[in-house]
Amino acid sequence: MGIFRRVVVIGDRRALGNRHGDESDYPKQVPCVPFFALLSRASLFEGFVRYLTVWVADQQQVIANLVTVDSEQRLGQTLLQLDRNR
């Protein structure tokens, strides 16, 4: 599941399809200006920026761990993180 699958929280839900392998499961390209305008009208822009900030920080942490930590430590950290998120 990519970043934009989690963001689809606005608009007409009927347009999302049945989520069983049809073409609605693929990302749609939306021009930047209308997307930001829609987020602003729905008062979601700040939340979206916050979400992206957290997501990027999480991805940076994952990459840093993959580069700097050996496999046993990585497994231990992953298990601890999974337990905290439960």
Foldseek 3Di string as FASTA:
>chain_A
DDPVVVVPPDDDPVVCPDPPPDPSVDDDDDDDVVVCVVCVVVVNNVVVVVSVVVVVVVVVVVVCCVPPPDPVVVVVVVVVVVVVVD
